[in-house]
Protein backbone atom coordinates (compact mmCIF):
# COMPACT_ATOMS: atom_id res chain seq x y z
CA UNK A 1 154.50 111.89 80.85
CA UNK A 2 152.75 109.57 78.44
CA UNK A 3 149.54 108.38 80.01
CA UNK A 4 147.23 105.70 78.75
CA UNK A 5 143.74 107.06 78.08
CA UNK A 6 141.99 104.05 76.52
CA UNK A 7 141.25 100.76 78.23
CA UNK A 8 139.61 97.61 76.96
CA UNK A 9 137.01 96.39 79.40
CA UNK A 10 134.52 93.51 79.55
CA UNK A 11 132.23 93.91 76.52
CA UNK A 12 133.50 97.34 75.52
CA UNK A 13 135.94 100.07 76.36
CA UNK A 14 136.50 103.15 78.46
CA UNK A 15 138.46 106.21 77.36
CA UNK A 16 139.42 109.54 78.88
CA UNK A 17 139.58 112.16 76.09
CA UNK A 18 140.04 115.67 77.44
CA UNK A 19 137.82 116.24 80.45
CA UNK A 20 135.39 113.45 79.56
CA UNK A 21 134.94 109.80 80.35
CA UNK A 22 133.52 107.83 77.42
CA UNK A 23 132.09 104.43 78.25
CA UNK A 24 131.21 101.77 75.68
CA UNK A 25 129.53 98.87 77.45
CA UNK A 26 126.28 96.95 77.45
CA UNK A 27 124.34 99.36 79.70
CA UNK A 28 121.78 100.14 77.04
CA UNK A 29 119.14 102.82 77.17
CA UNK A 30 116.48 100.22 76.39
CA UNK A 31 117.15 98.60 79.77
CA UNK A 32 116.16 101.82 81.49
CA UNK A 33 113.10 102.20 79.24
CA UNK A 34 112.01 98.64 79.95
CA UNK A 35 112.42 99.19 83.68
CA UNK A 36 110.43 102.42 83.53
CA UNK A 37 107.69 100.69 81.54
CA UNK A 38 107.46 97.95 84.15
CA UNK A 39 107.21 100.54 86.89
CA UNK A 40 104.42 102.42 85.13
CA UNK A 41 102.52 99.17 84.54
CA UNK A 42 102.93 98.30 88.23
CA UNK A 43 101.51 101.65 89.33
CA UNK A 44 98.57 101.41 86.88
CA UNK A 45 97.82 97.83 87.98
CA UNK A 46 97.98 98.88 91.63
CA UNK A 47 95.63 101.80 91.02
CA UNK A 48 93.22 99.45 89.23
CA UNK A 49 93.34 97.00 92.15
CA UNK A 50 92.68 99.82 94.61
CA UNK A 51 89.72 101.05 92.55
CA UNK A 52 88.27 97.54 92.15
CA UNK A 53 88.72 96.83 95.85
CA UNK A 54 86.93 100.02 96.86
CA UNK A 55 84.04 99.36 94.43
CA UNK A 56 83.61 95.65 95.30
CA UNK A 57 83.98 95.92 99.07
CA UNK A 58 83.44 99.50 100.29
CA UNK A 59 85.07 100.30 103.60
CA UNK A 60 87.90 97.77 103.24
CA UNK A 61 91.42 98.74 102.26
CA UNK A 62 92.75 96.91 99.17
CA UNK A 63 96.22 96.04 100.55
CA UNK A 64 97.45 94.28 97.42
CA UNK A 65 96.79 97.38 95.31
CA UNK A 66 98.49 99.65 97.84
CA UNK A 67 101.48 97.31 97.97
CA UNK A 68 101.75 97.23 94.19
CA UNK A 69 101.69 101.03 93.95
CA UNK A 70 104.28 101.27 96.74
CA UNK A 71 106.62 98.86 94.92
CA UNK A 72 106.26 100.97 91.76
CA UNK A 73 107.09 104.19 93.61
CA UNK A 74 110.13 102.66 95.33
CA UNK A 75 111.44 101.40 91.98
CA UNK A 76 111.11 104.92 90.56
CA UNK A 77 113.25 106.25 93.41
CA UNK A 78 115.87 103.54 92.98
CA UNK A 79 115.93 103.96 89.19
CA UNK A 80 116.51 107.69 89.52
CA UNK A 81 119.87 106.98 91.17
CA UNK A 82 121.19 104.84 88.31
CA UNK A 83 123.01 106.47 85.41
CA UNK A 84 123.48 104.73 82.04
CA UNK A 85 125.04 107.61 80.08
CA UNK A 86 127.92 106.78 77.77
CA UNK A 87 129.68 110.08 78.44
CA UNK A 88 130.50 111.67 81.78
CA UNK A 89 132.33 114.86 82.62
CA UNK A 90 135.29 114.18 84.89
CA UNK A 91 134.22 117.13 87.04
CA UNK A 92 130.89 115.53 87.88
CA UNK A 93 132.55 112.40 89.32
CA UNK A 94 133.14 112.62 93.07
CA UNK A 95 134.91 109.28 93.41
CA UNK A 96 135.43 105.95 91.73
CA UNK A 97 135.20 102.72 93.70
CA UNK A 98 136.75 99.60 92.22
CA UNK A 99 135.51 96.34 93.69
CA UNK A 100 134.86 92.72 92.90
CA UNK A 101 131.34 91.40 93.46
CA UNK A 102 130.12 87.95 94.50
CA UNK A 103 129.54 86.87 90.88
CA UNK A 104 133.18 87.42 89.87
CA UNK A 105 132.81 90.80 88.15
CA UNK A 106 135.44 93.50 88.65
CA UNK A 107 133.50 96.77 88.61
CA UNK A 108 134.19 100.46 88.84
CA UNK A 109 131.36 102.56 90.23
CA UNK A 110 131.51 106.27 89.50
CA UNK A 111 129.75 108.23 92.25
CA UNK A 112 128.43 111.43 90.66
CA UNK A 113 127.76 114.80 92.30
CA UNK A 114 124.01 114.50 91.57
CA UNK A 115 123.79 111.37 93.81
CA UNK A 116 123.66 109.04 90.80
CA UNK A 117 125.97 106.13 90.20
CA UNK A 118 127.39 104.74 86.96
CA UNK A 119 128.60 101.17 87.24
CA UNK A 120 130.97 99.76 84.62
CA UNK A 121 132.14 96.14 84.42
CA UNK A 122 135.91 96.06 83.94
CA UNK A 123 136.47 92.30 83.90
CA UNK A 124 134.72 89.00 84.54
CA UNK A 125 136.40 86.10 86.36
CA UNK A 126 139.78 87.66 85.49
CA UNK A 127 139.33 86.65 81.81
CA UNK A 128 140.93 89.80 80.40
CA UNK A 129 143.50 90.12 83.21
CA UNK A 130 142.47 93.77 83.71
CA UNK A 131 143.61 93.78 87.32
CA UNK A 132 147.04 92.41 86.41
CA UNK A 133 147.80 94.42 83.27
CA UNK A 134 145.73 97.63 83.43
CA UNK A 135 144.75 98.41 87.03
CA UNK A 136 147.81 100.50 87.89
CA UNK A 137 147.51 102.66 84.75
CA UNK A 138 143.72 102.95 85.23
CA UNK A 139 144.20 104.25 88.77
CA UNK A 140 146.88 106.70 87.58
CA UNK A 141 144.55 108.00 84.86
CA UNK A 142 141.73 108.49 87.38
CA UNK A 143 144.04 110.38 89.74
CA UNK A 144 145.35 112.51 86.88
CA UNK A 145 141.73 113.47 86.09
CA UNK A 146 141.36 114.50 89.79
CA UNK A 147 139.02 111.62 90.57
CA UNK A 148 139.49 110.04 93.98
CA UNK A 149 139.78 106.30 93.46
CA UNK A 150 139.61 103.56 96.01
CA UNK A 151 140.01 99.81 95.64
CA UNK A 152 137.91 97.59 97.87
């Protein structure tokens, strides 16, 4: 059986060599670094506001500083669940969910065994006709790699 292992997707490609999934898209590492930097700045700013509030008005709780620190901590937890790696092992993928979002993007979300998710944009507003020309073969490739796939 000759199976297709390379697919052209929106702004990149996805291939299935051996037991790997190689993703070339615009999910850059700098995006994660920028997000982490913003989170750290938020926590530092919140700590500063807490300190200033306690010094200026002893006995009162600086709610803005506590809120800022809380937002920073929540963003750390959310960011820990997002994966931007360009290579995944097929064995670490529990399932793949293919869905279309409200903005017109056709996405596949790989749910990994470590509770992370890797989202890949397959098509936008049906420009590349991925659903029409490649979806069947893409689903067959996922099933061949023992990845449960569902279309929503």
